Structure formats: structure tokens, C-alpha cells
Amino acid sequence: MKKVYFYATCLGSTAMQQSVLNAIKLLRREGIEVIFKKNQTCCAQPSFNSGYF
């Protein structure tokens, strides 16, 4: 069985929760094991994009 680690990002975790859930359902339906940690932290991409790195 294939496995994927699903990282939802800040946007997915806050504004697009249903899209994240739908993506996970789709992957599972295709027989892919989805590893999704509920306590994911921010990757800091917004800060990086703003020049704070």
C-alpha cells in the first residue's frame, strides 16, 4: 500500500478545511494510506514570503 504524509498548511487548516477532508477521502478511496498529524504546526511560509527569514 502506498503512503503519503498530508500537510494541510495554514490555509488548509483554517480556511479550507472541507477541501482538506475531501482530499484525504479521495486518497483513501484510491487505496493510499494517509498520514495526517492533527497537531501540525505552521511551516512559516507566509513569513518567509514576506521577507522575514
N, C-alpha and C. Protein backbone atom coordinates (compact mmCIF):
# COMPACT_ATOMS: atom_id res chain seq x y z
N MET A 1 0.84 -1.18 0.00
CA MET A 1 0.00 0.00 0.00
C MET A 1 0.89 1.25 0.00
N LYS A 2 0.55 2.19 -0.83
CA LYS A 2 1.28 3.46 -0.86
C LYS A 2 0.88 4.31 0.33
N LYS A 3 1.81 5.14 0.78
CA LYS A 3 1.56 6.04 1.90
C LYS A 3 1.92 7.46 1.49
N VAL A 4 1.16 8.41 2.00
CA VAL A 4 1.51 9.82 1.81
C VAL A 4 1.39 10.52 3.16
N TYR A 5 2.26 11.50 3.36
CA TYR A 5 2.14 12.37 4.52
C TYR A 5 1.44 13.62 4.04
N PHE A 6 0.28 13.90 4.59
CA PHE A 6 -0.54 15.02 4.13
C PHE A 6 -0.31 16.21 5.04
N TYR A 7 0.23 17.28 4.47
CA TYR A 7 0.46 18.52 5.22
C TYR A 7 -0.54 19.54 4.72
N ALA A 8 -1.45 19.96 5.58
CA ALA A 8 -2.57 20.78 5.16
C ALA A 8 -2.23 22.25 4.95
N THR A 9 -1.16 22.73 5.49
CA THR A 9 -0.76 24.14 5.50
C THR A 9 -1.73 24.96 6.35
N CYS A 10 -1.33 26.16 6.66
CA CYS A 10 -2.17 27.05 7.48
C CYS A 10 -3.49 27.35 6.78
N LEU A 11 -3.43 27.60 5.50
CA LEU A 11 -4.64 27.90 4.74
C LEU A 11 -5.61 26.73 4.76
N GLY A 12 -5.10 25.56 4.55
CA GLY A 12 -5.95 24.37 4.56
C GLY A 12 -6.55 24.10 5.93
N SER A 13 -5.77 24.35 6.96
CA SER A 13 -6.24 24.08 8.32
C SER A 13 -7.27 25.09 8.80
N THR A 14 -7.24 26.30 8.27
CA THR A 14 -8.15 27.33 8.77
C THR A 14 -9.27 27.66 7.80
N ALA A 15 -8.93 27.93 6.55
CA ALA A 15 -9.92 28.44 5.62
C ALA A 15 -10.50 27.39 4.68
N MET A 16 -9.80 26.28 4.49
CA MET A 16 -10.24 25.30 3.50
C MET A 16 -10.34 23.91 4.10
N GLN A 17 -10.90 23.82 5.29
CA GLN A 17 -10.96 22.54 5.99
C GLN A 17 -11.71 21.47 5.20
N GLN A 18 -12.80 21.83 4.58
CA GLN A 18 -13.57 20.83 3.83
C GLN A 18 -12.78 20.30 2.63
N SER A 19 -12.01 21.17 2.00
CA SER A 19 -11.17 20.72 0.88
C SER A 19 -10.11 19.74 1.34
N VAL A 20 -9.54 19.99 2.50
CA VAL A 20 -8.55 19.08 3.07
C VAL A 20 -9.19 17.72 3.35
N LEU A 21 -10.35 17.73 3.98
CA LEU A 21 -11.05 16.48 4.28
C LEU A 21 -11.41 15.73 3.00
N ASN A 22 -11.85 16.45 1.99
CA ASN A 22 -12.20 15.81 0.71
C ASN A 22 -10.97 15.19 0.04
N ALA A 23 -9.84 15.87 0.12
CA ALA A 23 -8.61 15.33 -0.46
C ALA A 23 -8.18 14.05 0.24
N ILE A 24 -8.30 14.04 1.56
CA ILE A 24 -7.95 12.84 2.33
C ILE A 24 -8.88 11.68 1.97
N LYS A 25 -10.17 11.97 1.86
CA LYS A 25 -11.13 10.93 1.47
C LYS A 25 -10.81 10.37 0.09
N LEU A 26 -10.46 11.24 -0.84
CA LEU A 26 -10.13 10.81 -2.20
C LEU A 26 -8.90 9.91 -2.20
N LEU A 27 -7.87 10.30 -1.48
CA LEU A 27 -6.66 9.48 -1.41
C LEU A 27 -6.96 8.11 -0.80
N ARG A 28 -7.72 8.10 0.27
CA ARG A 28 -8.06 6.83 0.93
C ARG A 28 -8.90 5.95 0.01
N ARG A 29 -9.81 6.57 -0.72
CA ARG A 29 -10.65 5.80 -1.64
C ARG A 29 -9.80 5.11 -2.71
N GLU A 30 -8.69 5.72 -3.07
CA GLU A 30 -7.79 5.16 -4.07
C GLU A 30 -6.80 4.16 -3.47
N GLY A 31 -6.98 3.84 -2.19
CA GLY A 31 -6.14 2.84 -1.56
C GLY A 31 -4.82 3.36 -1.02
N ILE A 32 -4.73 4.65 -0.83
CA ILE A 32 -3.50 5.26 -0.33
C ILE A 32 -3.66 5.54 1.16
N GLU A 33 -2.69 5.10 1.94
CA GLU A 33 -2.73 5.37 3.38
C GLU A 33 -2.30 6.82 3.60
N VAL A 34 -3.14 7.58 4.28
CA VAL A 34 -2.87 8.99 4.52
C VAL A 34 -2.41 9.17 5.96
N ILE A 35 -1.24 9.75 6.11
CA ILE A 35 -0.72 10.07 7.43
C ILE A 35 -0.95 11.56 7.63
N PHE A 36 -1.80 11.90 8.58
CA PHE A 36 -2.17 13.29 8.83
C PHE A 36 -2.07 13.55 10.33
N LYS A 37 -1.09 14.32 10.71
CA LYS A 37 -0.92 14.63 12.13
C LYS A 37 -1.81 15.80 12.50
N LYS A 38 -2.66 15.60 13.48
CA LYS A 38 -3.60 16.65 13.86
C LYS A 38 -2.93 17.84 14.53
N ASN A 39 -1.75 17.66 15.07
CA ASN A 39 -1.07 18.77 15.74
C ASN A 39 0.03 19.37 14.86
N GLN A 40 -0.25 19.52 13.57
CA GLN A 40 0.71 20.13 12.66
C GLN A 40 0.95 21.58 13.06
N THR A 41 2.15 22.04 12.83
CA THR A 41 2.47 23.43 13.12
C THR A 41 2.66 24.19 11.82
N CYS A 42 2.76 25.48 11.94
CA CYS A 42 2.94 26.34 10.78
C CYS A 42 4.32 26.13 10.18
N CYS A 43 4.41 26.15 8.88
CA CYS A 43 5.70 25.97 8.19
C CYS A 43 6.44 27.30 8.05
N ALA A 44 5.82 28.41 8.40
CA ALA A 44 6.38 29.76 8.34
C ALA A 44 6.50 30.30 6.92
N GLN A 45 5.86 29.67 5.96
CA GLN A 45 5.93 30.14 4.58
C GLN A 45 5.43 31.58 4.43
N PRO A 46 4.33 32.01 5.08
CA PRO A 46 3.91 33.41 4.95
C PRO A 46 4.99 34.39 5.41
N SER A 47 5.68 34.08 6.50
CA SER A 47 6.76 34.94 6.97
C SER A 47 7.92 34.95 5.99
N PHE A 48 8.27 33.79 5.48
CA PHE A 48 9.35 33.68 4.50
C PHE A 48 9.04 34.51 3.26
N ASN A 49 7.80 34.40 2.77
CA ASN A 49 7.40 35.14 1.58
C ASN A 49 7.41 36.65 1.81
N SER A 50 7.23 37.06 3.07
CA SER A 50 7.21 38.48 3.41
C SER A 50 8.60 39.04 3.70
N GLY A 51 9.62 38.19 3.64
CA GLY A 51 10.98 38.65 3.84
C GLY A 51 11.53 38.46 5.24
N TYR A 52 10.78 37.81 6.12
CA TYR A 52 11.23 37.55 7.49
C TYR A 52 11.84 36.16 7.57
N PHE A 53 13.08 36.03 7.14
CA PHE A 53 13.72 34.72 7.18
C PHE A 53 15.14 34.82 7.68
